[in-house]
């Protein structure tokens, strides 16, 4: 992957950029231009939230239907 700064990516109209450095969780992934966050961290957070929501819904169904 080509190293591009956040400012360069924004100037080019891109939505992601790559610094070549790891995020605080150790991912060597692209980052979002709008907030500088790691793309891999975002993906993992979304899947974790989805899993938690499914578990909550299952628990609610057990309470409601026994």
Protein backbone atom coordinates (compact mmCIF):
# COMPACT_ATOMS: atom_id res chain seq x y z
CA UNK A 1 0.00 0.00 0.00
CA UNK A 2 1.18 3.47 -0.79
CA UNK A 3 1.76 5.79 2.17
CA UNK A 4 -0.50 8.84 1.94
CA UNK A 5 -1.04 11.49 4.59
CA UNK A 6 -4.48 12.44 5.83
CA UNK A 7 -4.21 15.89 4.27
CA UNK A 8 -3.16 14.46 0.90
CA UNK A 9 -6.04 11.99 0.94
CA UNK A 10 -8.54 14.73 1.80
CA UNK A 11 -7.16 16.91 -0.99
CA UNK A 12 -7.55 14.03 -3.46
CA UNK A 13 -11.12 13.37 -2.26
CA UNK A 14 -10.32 9.95 -0.82
CA UNK A 15 -12.14 8.56 2.21
CA UNK A 16 -9.20 6.44 3.51
CA UNK A 17 -5.45 6.83 3.80
CA UNK A 18 -2.50 4.72 4.92
CA UNK A 19 0.30 5.90 7.22
CA UNK A 20 2.36 2.73 7.45
CA UNK A 21 2.12 2.89 11.25
CA UNK A 22 0.10 0.64 13.53
CA UNK A 23 -2.91 1.96 15.43
CA UNK A 24 -2.99 1.76 19.23
CA UNK A 25 -4.40 -1.79 18.93
CA UNK A 26 -1.63 -2.93 16.61
CA UNK A 27 -3.50 -2.98 13.29
CA UNK A 28 -1.54 -2.05 10.18
CA UNK A 29 -4.64 -0.91 8.36
CA UNK A 30 -5.95 2.08 6.45
CA UNK A 31 -7.46 4.95 8.42
CA UNK A 32 -10.56 7.05 7.81
CA UNK A 33 -9.95 10.60 6.56
CA UNK A 34 -12.97 12.02 8.41
CA UNK A 35 -11.87 10.99 11.92
CA UNK A 36 -8.41 9.37 11.60
CA UNK A 37 -9.71 6.09 13.04
CA UNK A 38 -8.40 2.68 12.07
CA UNK A 39 -10.59 0.85 9.54
CA UNK A 40 -9.93 -2.56 11.15
CA UNK A 41 -10.87 -1.24 14.60
CA UNK A 42 -14.12 0.10 13.14
CA UNK A 43 -14.97 -3.26 11.57
CA UNK A 44 -14.25 -5.14 14.80
CA UNK A 45 -16.32 -2.66 16.83
CA UNK A 46 -19.32 -3.03 14.50
CA UNK A 47 -19.20 -6.84 14.67
CA UNK A 48 -18.85 -6.71 18.47
CA UNK A 49 -21.87 -4.39 18.74
CA UNK A 50 -23.91 -6.64 16.45
CA UNK A 51 -23.00 -9.73 18.49
CA UNK A 52 -23.96 -7.97 21.72
CA UNK A 53 -27.29 -6.86 20.25
CA UNK A 54 -28.11 -10.41 19.13
CA UNK A 55 -27.28 -11.77 22.59
CA UNK A 56 -29.50 -9.11 24.21
CA UNK A 57 -32.38 -9.94 21.87
CA UNK A 58 -32.06 -13.67 22.59
CA UNK A 59 -32.09 -13.03 26.33
CA UNK A 60 -35.19 -10.84 25.98
CA UNK A 61 -36.97 -13.56 23.99
CA UNK A 62 -36.16 -16.14 26.66
CA UNK A 63 -37.65 -13.89 29.31
CA UNK A 64 -40.75 -13.11 27.23
CA UNK A 65 -41.45 -16.62 25.94
CA UNK A 66 -39.87 -18.72 28.63
